[in-house]
Amino acid sequence: MAPIDGLGRKVPVERRRSTEDRRNHELYVSEAGARALAGVREVAAAHEDDLLAALDGPEREPLAGLLGRVAARQGLTPGVHPGNRTLAKRAGRREKEKVRPDS
């Protein structure tokens, strides 16, 4: 439970008892987390609009479909940036570096 307990300090989540099994806990996005996600979505949408400004709506739809096919062929998870695959590994390295004694 230690990694989950520390998660609330790093990420705006709430840990609640499961309604189906009182022995388990479930993670929920907190109100602060929901606000942060809304802000991220807004920035991402603005970035996408800026990036694709040369294309109108009807031109963007086939592009999204084609890129989706490319991503599927590469085995990428829909809606997840491939850079996120390495976040846990990088975070683990940073945590290990923090606990190393000074030489």
N, C-alpha and C. Protein backbone atom coordinates (compact mmCIF):
# COMPACT_ATOMS: atom_id res chain seq x y z
N MET A 1 0.80 -1.21 0.00
CA MET A 1 0.00 0.00 0.00
C MET A 1 0.84 1.28 0.00
N ALA A 2 2.11 1.18 0.35
CA ALA A 2 2.94 2.39 0.42
C ALA A 2 2.97 3.16 -0.89
N PRO A 3 3.15 2.50 -2.05
CA PRO A 3 3.14 3.27 -3.30
C PRO A 3 1.80 3.97 -3.53
N ILE A 4 0.71 3.31 -3.19
CA ILE A 4 -0.61 3.91 -3.38
C ILE A 4 -0.80 5.05 -2.38
N ASP A 5 -0.37 4.87 -1.15
CA ASP A 5 -0.51 5.93 -0.16
C ASP A 5 0.24 7.18 -0.58
N GLY A 6 1.43 7.02 -1.15
CA GLY A 6 2.22 8.16 -1.59
C GLY A 6 1.68 8.81 -2.85
N LEU A 7 0.87 8.08 -3.59
CA LEU A 7 0.33 8.60 -4.84
C LEU A 7 -0.51 9.85 -4.62
N GLY A 8 -1.29 9.88 -3.56
CA GLY A 8 -2.15 11.02 -3.28
C GLY A 8 -1.38 12.31 -3.07
N ARG A 9 -0.13 12.19 -2.62
CA ARG A 9 0.68 13.39 -2.43
C ARG A 9 1.25 13.89 -3.75
N LYS A 10 1.39 13.00 -4.74
CA LYS A 10 1.99 13.36 -6.02
C LYS A 10 0.95 13.65 -7.09
N VAL A 11 -0.15 12.95 -7.04
CA VAL A 11 -1.19 13.05 -8.05
C VAL A 11 -2.51 13.33 -7.34
N PRO A 12 -3.32 14.23 -7.88
CA PRO A 12 -4.58 14.54 -7.20
C PRO A 12 -5.61 13.41 -7.34
N VAL A 13 -5.44 12.39 -6.49
CA VAL A 13 -6.37 11.27 -6.46
C VAL A 13 -6.88 11.08 -5.04
N GLU A 14 -7.99 10.38 -4.93
CA GLU A 14 -8.54 10.01 -3.64
C GLU A 14 -8.62 8.50 -3.57
N ARG A 15 -8.32 7.96 -2.42
CA ARG A 15 -8.41 6.52 -2.20
C ARG A 15 -9.66 6.27 -1.36
N ARG A 16 -10.56 5.41 -1.87
CA ARG A 16 -11.81 5.11 -1.17
C ARG A 16 -11.98 3.60 -1.05
N ARG A 17 -12.68 3.19 0.00
CA ARG A 17 -13.01 1.78 0.16
C ARG A 17 -13.93 1.35 -0.98
N SER A 18 -13.70 0.15 -1.46
CA SER A 18 -14.55 -0.40 -2.51
C SER A 18 -15.95 -0.65 -1.96
N THR A 19 -16.95 -0.31 -2.76
CA THR A 19 -18.33 -0.58 -2.35
C THR A 19 -18.67 -2.06 -2.54
N GLU A 20 -17.90 -2.76 -3.38
CA GLU A 20 -18.15 -4.17 -3.63
C GLU A 20 -17.39 -5.09 -2.69
N ASP A 21 -16.22 -4.66 -2.25
CA ASP A 21 -15.40 -5.48 -1.36
C ASP A 21 -14.67 -4.55 -0.40
N ARG A 22 -15.13 -4.50 0.82
CA ARG A 22 -14.60 -3.55 1.81
C ARG A 22 -13.11 -3.76 2.10
N ARG A 23 -12.55 -4.89 1.69
CA ARG A 23 -11.12 -5.14 1.92
C ARG A 23 -10.26 -4.39 0.92
N ASN A 24 -10.85 -3.92 -0.15
CA ASN A 24 -10.12 -3.25 -1.23
C ASN A 24 -10.37 -1.75 -1.23
N HIS A 25 -9.46 -1.06 -1.86
CA HIS A 25 -9.60 0.38 -2.07
C HIS A 25 -9.63 0.65 -3.57
N GLU A 26 -10.25 1.75 -3.93
CA GLU A 26 -10.31 2.19 -5.33
C GLU A 26 -9.76 3.60 -5.40
N LEU A 27 -9.16 3.95 -6.53
CA LEU A 27 -8.62 5.28 -6.73
C LEU A 27 -9.57 6.09 -7.60
N TYR A 28 -9.80 7.32 -7.20
CA TYR A 28 -10.66 8.24 -7.93
C TYR A 28 -9.92 9.55 -8.12
N VAL A 29 -10.18 10.21 -9.23
CA VAL A 29 -9.61 11.53 -9.45
C VAL A 29 -10.30 12.50 -8.51
N SER A 30 -9.52 13.29 -7.78
CA SER A 30 -10.09 14.27 -6.85
C SER A 30 -10.62 15.48 -7.62
N GLU A 31 -11.30 16.37 -6.91
CA GLU A 31 -11.78 17.59 -7.56
C GLU A 31 -10.62 18.39 -8.13
N ALA A 32 -9.54 18.48 -7.38
CA ALA A 32 -8.36 19.21 -7.88
C ALA A 32 -7.79 18.51 -9.12
N GLY A 33 -7.80 17.19 -9.10
CA GLY A 33 -7.34 16.44 -10.26
C GLY A 33 -8.22 16.66 -11.47
N ALA A 34 -9.53 16.70 -11.26
CA ALA A 34 -10.47 16.93 -12.37
C ALA A 34 -10.24 18.32 -12.97
N ARG A 35 -10.00 19.31 -12.10
CA ARG A 35 -9.72 20.66 -12.61
C ARG A 35 -8.42 20.68 -13.40
N ALA A 36 -7.41 19.97 -12.90
CA ALA A 36 -6.12 19.92 -13.61
C ALA A 36 -6.29 19.23 -14.97
N LEU A 37 -7.04 18.13 -15.00
CA LEU A 37 -7.26 17.43 -16.27
C LEU A 37 -8.03 18.30 -17.26
N ALA A 38 -9.00 19.05 -16.77
CA ALA A 38 -9.76 19.95 -17.65
C ALA A 38 -8.82 20.99 -18.26
N GLY A 39 -7.92 21.51 -17.46
CA GLY A 39 -6.95 22.48 -17.96
C GLY A 39 -6.03 21.87 -19.00
N VAL A 40 -5.60 20.64 -18.76
CA VAL A 40 -4.73 19.95 -19.71
C VAL A 40 -5.49 19.72 -21.02
N ARG A 41 -6.73 19.29 -20.92
CA ARG A 41 -7.53 19.06 -22.14
C ARG A 41 -7.68 20.35 -22.94
N GLU A 42 -7.89 21.46 -22.24
CA GLU A 42 -8.05 22.75 -22.91
C GLU A 42 -6.77 23.14 -23.64
N VAL A 43 -5.63 22.98 -22.98
CA VAL A 43 -4.35 23.30 -23.60
C VAL A 43 -4.07 22.37 -24.79
N ALA A 44 -4.38 21.08 -24.62
CA ALA A 44 -4.16 20.11 -25.70
C ALA A 44 -5.02 20.45 -26.92
N ALA A 45 -6.27 20.83 -26.68
CA ALA A 45 -7.17 21.19 -27.79
C ALA A 45 -6.64 22.43 -28.52
N ALA A 46 -6.17 23.41 -27.76
CA ALA A 46 -5.62 24.62 -28.37
C ALA A 46 -4.37 24.29 -29.18
N HIS A 47 -3.55 23.40 -28.64
CA HIS A 47 -2.33 22.99 -29.35
C HIS A 47 -2.70 22.27 -30.65
N GLU A 48 -3.67 21.37 -30.58
CA GLU A 48 -4.11 20.65 -31.78
C GLU A 48 -4.66 21.62 -32.82
N ASP A 49 -5.47 22.58 -32.38
CA ASP A 49 -6.01 23.57 -33.31
C ASP A 49 -4.90 24.38 -33.97
N ASP A 50 -3.89 24.74 -33.21
CA ASP A 50 -2.77 25.50 -33.75
C ASP A 50 -1.97 24.65 -34.74
N LEU A 51 -1.70 23.41 -34.36
CA LEU A 51 -0.93 22.51 -35.20
C LEU A 51 -1.62 22.23 -36.53
N LEU A 52 -2.95 22.08 -36.48
CA LEU A 52 -3.71 21.72 -37.68
C LEU A 52 -4.45 22.90 -38.29
N ALA A 53 -3.98 24.10 -38.04
CA ALA A 53 -4.67 25.30 -38.51
C ALA A 53 -4.81 25.35 -40.03
N ALA A 54 -3.90 24.71 -40.74
CA ALA A 54 -3.96 24.72 -42.21
C ALA A 54 -5.07 23.82 -42.76
N LEU A 55 -5.65 22.97 -41.90
CA LEU A 55 -6.69 22.05 -42.33
C LEU A 55 -8.04 22.46 -41.74
N ASP A 56 -9.10 22.35 -42.55
CA ASP A 56 -10.43 22.61 -42.00
C ASP A 56 -10.99 21.30 -41.43
N GLY A 57 -12.15 21.36 -40.81
CA GLY A 57 -12.75 20.20 -40.15
C GLY A 57 -12.85 18.97 -41.03
N PRO A 58 -13.43 19.11 -42.24
CA PRO A 58 -13.53 17.93 -43.11
C PRO A 58 -12.18 17.34 -43.51
N GLU A 59 -11.11 18.15 -43.55
CA GLU A 59 -9.78 17.64 -43.89
C GLU A 59 -9.14 16.94 -42.69
N ARG A 60 -9.49 17.36 -41.48
CA ARG A 60 -8.90 16.77 -40.28
C ARG A 60 -9.41 15.36 -40.03
N GLU A 61 -10.65 15.08 -40.38
CA GLU A 61 -11.23 13.76 -40.10
C GLU A 61 -10.48 12.62 -40.78
N PRO A 62 -10.21 12.70 -42.11
CA PRO A 62 -9.46 11.59 -42.71
C PRO A 62 -8.02 11.49 -42.17
N LEU A 63 -7.43 12.63 -41.83
CA LEU A 63 -6.09 12.60 -41.25
C LEU A 63 -6.10 11.82 -39.94
N ALA A 64 -7.09 12.10 -39.09
CA ALA A 64 -7.20 11.39 -37.82
C ALA A 64 -7.37 9.89 -38.05
N GLY A 65 -8.17 9.53 -39.04
CA GLY A 65 -8.36 8.12 -39.36
C GLY A 65 -7.09 7.45 -39.83
N LEU A 66 -6.37 8.13 -40.71
CA LEU A 66 -5.11 7.58 -41.22
C LEU A 66 -4.08 7.43 -40.12
N LEU A 67 -3.96 8.45 -39.28
CA LEU A 67 -3.01 8.37 -38.17
C LEU A 67 -3.40 7.28 -37.18
N GLY A 68 -4.71 7.08 -37.00
CA GLY A 68 -5.18 6.00 -36.14
C GLY A 68 -4.76 4.63 -36.68
N ARG A 69 -4.84 4.48 -38.00
CA ARG A 69 -4.41 3.21 -38.61
C ARG A 69 -2.91 3.00 -38.43
N VAL A 70 -2.13 4.06 -38.59
CA VAL A 70 -0.68 3.95 -38.40
C VAL A 70 -0.38 3.56 -36.95
N ALA A 71 -1.04 4.22 -36.01
CA ALA A 71 -0.83 3.92 -34.59
C ALA A 71 -1.22 2.48 -34.27
N ALA A 72 -2.34 2.02 -34.82
CA ALA A 72 -2.78 0.64 -34.57
C ALA A 72 -1.76 -0.36 -35.11
N ARG A 73 -1.23 -0.07 -36.27
CA ARG A 73 -0.24 -0.96 -36.88
C ARG A 73 1.03 -1.02 -36.03
N GLN A 74 1.35 0.08 -35.35
CA GLN A 74 2.53 0.14 -34.50
C GLN A 74 2.27 -0.44 -33.11
N GLY A 75 1.03 -0.83 -32.86
CA GLY A 75 0.69 -1.41 -31.55
C GLY A 75 0.55 -0.37 -30.45
N LEU A 76 0.27 0.87 -30.82
CA LEU A 76 0.13 1.93 -29.83
C LEU A 76 -1.26 1.90 -29.21
N THR A 77 -1.34 2.18 -27.93
CA THR A 77 -2.62 2.21 -27.24
C THR A 77 -3.37 3.47 -27.65
N PRO A 78 -4.63 3.33 -28.11
CA PRO A 78 -5.39 4.52 -28.52
C PRO A 78 -5.49 5.53 -27.37
N GLY A 79 -5.25 6.79 -27.69
CA GLY A 79 -5.39 7.85 -26.71
C GLY A 79 -4.22 8.02 -25.75
N VAL A 80 -3.17 7.22 -25.92
CA VAL A 80 -2.02 7.31 -25.02
C VAL A 80 -0.80 7.67 -25.84
N HIS A 81 -0.13 8.73 -25.46
CA HIS A 81 1.09 9.15 -26.14
C HIS A 81 2.18 8.11 -25.88
N PRO A 82 2.92 7.68 -26.92
CA PRO A 82 3.94 6.65 -26.72
C PRO A 82 5.01 7.03 -25.71
N GLY A 83 5.25 8.32 -25.51
CA GLY A 83 6.23 8.75 -24.51
C GLY A 83 5.84 8.38 -23.10
N ASN A 84 4.54 8.16 -22.87
CA ASN A 84 4.07 7.80 -21.54
C ASN A 84 4.51 6.40 -21.13
N ARG A 85 4.88 5.57 -22.10
CA ARG A 85 5.32 4.21 -21.79
C ARG A 85 6.56 4.21 -20.92
N THR A 86 7.40 5.23 -21.05
CA THR A 86 8.66 5.26 -20.33
C THR A 86 8.61 6.13 -19.08
N LEU A 87 7.47 6.76 -18.80
CA LEU A 87 7.40 7.64 -17.64
C LEU A 87 7.69 6.90 -16.34
N ALA A 88 7.11 5.72 -16.17
CA ALA A 88 7.31 4.97 -14.93
C ALA A 88 8.78 4.60 -14.76
N LYS A 89 9.42 4.20 -15.85
CA LYS A 89 10.84 3.84 -15.77
C LYS A 89 11.68 5.04 -15.38
N ARG A 90 11.39 6.21 -16.01
CA ARG A 90 12.15 7.42 -15.70
C ARG A 90 11.90 7.85 -14.27
N ALA A 91 10.65 7.76 -13.82
CA ALA A 91 10.33 8.16 -12.44
C ALA A 91 11.04 7.25 -11.45
N GLY A 92 11.10 5.96 -11.76
CA GLY A 92 11.80 5.02 -10.89
C GLY A 92 13.28 5.34 -10.77
N ARG A 93 13.89 5.73 -11.90
CA ARG A 93 15.30 6.11 -11.87
C ARG A 93 15.51 7.35 -11.01
N ARG A 94 14.61 8.31 -11.13
CA ARG A 94 14.74 9.54 -10.34
C ARG A 94 14.62 9.24 -8.86
N GLU A 95 13.69 8.35 -8.49
CA GLU A 95 13.52 7.99 -7.08
C GLU A 95 14.79 7.32 -6.55
N LYS A 96 15.38 6.42 -7.35
CA LYS A 96 16.61 5.75 -6.93
C LYS A 96 17.74 6.75 -6.76
N GLU A 97 17.80 7.74 -7.65
CA GLU A 97 18.86 8.75 -7.56
C GLU A 97 18.72 9.59 -6.29
N LYS A 98 17.49 9.80 -5.85
CA LYS A 98 17.26 10.60 -4.64
C LYS A 98 17.80 9.91 -3.39
N VAL A 99 17.75 8.57 -3.35
CA VAL A 99 18.14 7.86 -2.14
C VAL A 99 19.59 7.43 -2.13
N ARG A 100 20.33 7.70 -3.19
CA ARG A 100 21.75 7.35 -3.22
C ARG A 100 22.51 8.21 -2.23
N PRO A 101 23.37 7.59 -1.46
CA PRO A 101 24.19 8.38 -0.54
C PRO A 101 25.20 9.22 -1.32
N ASP A 102 25.50 10.38 -0.82
CA ASP A 102 26.49 11.25 -1.47
C ASP A 102 27.86 10.61 -1.40
N SER A 103 28.61 10.70 -2.49
CA SER A 103 29.95 10.10 -2.52
C SER A 103 30.97 11.13 -2.13
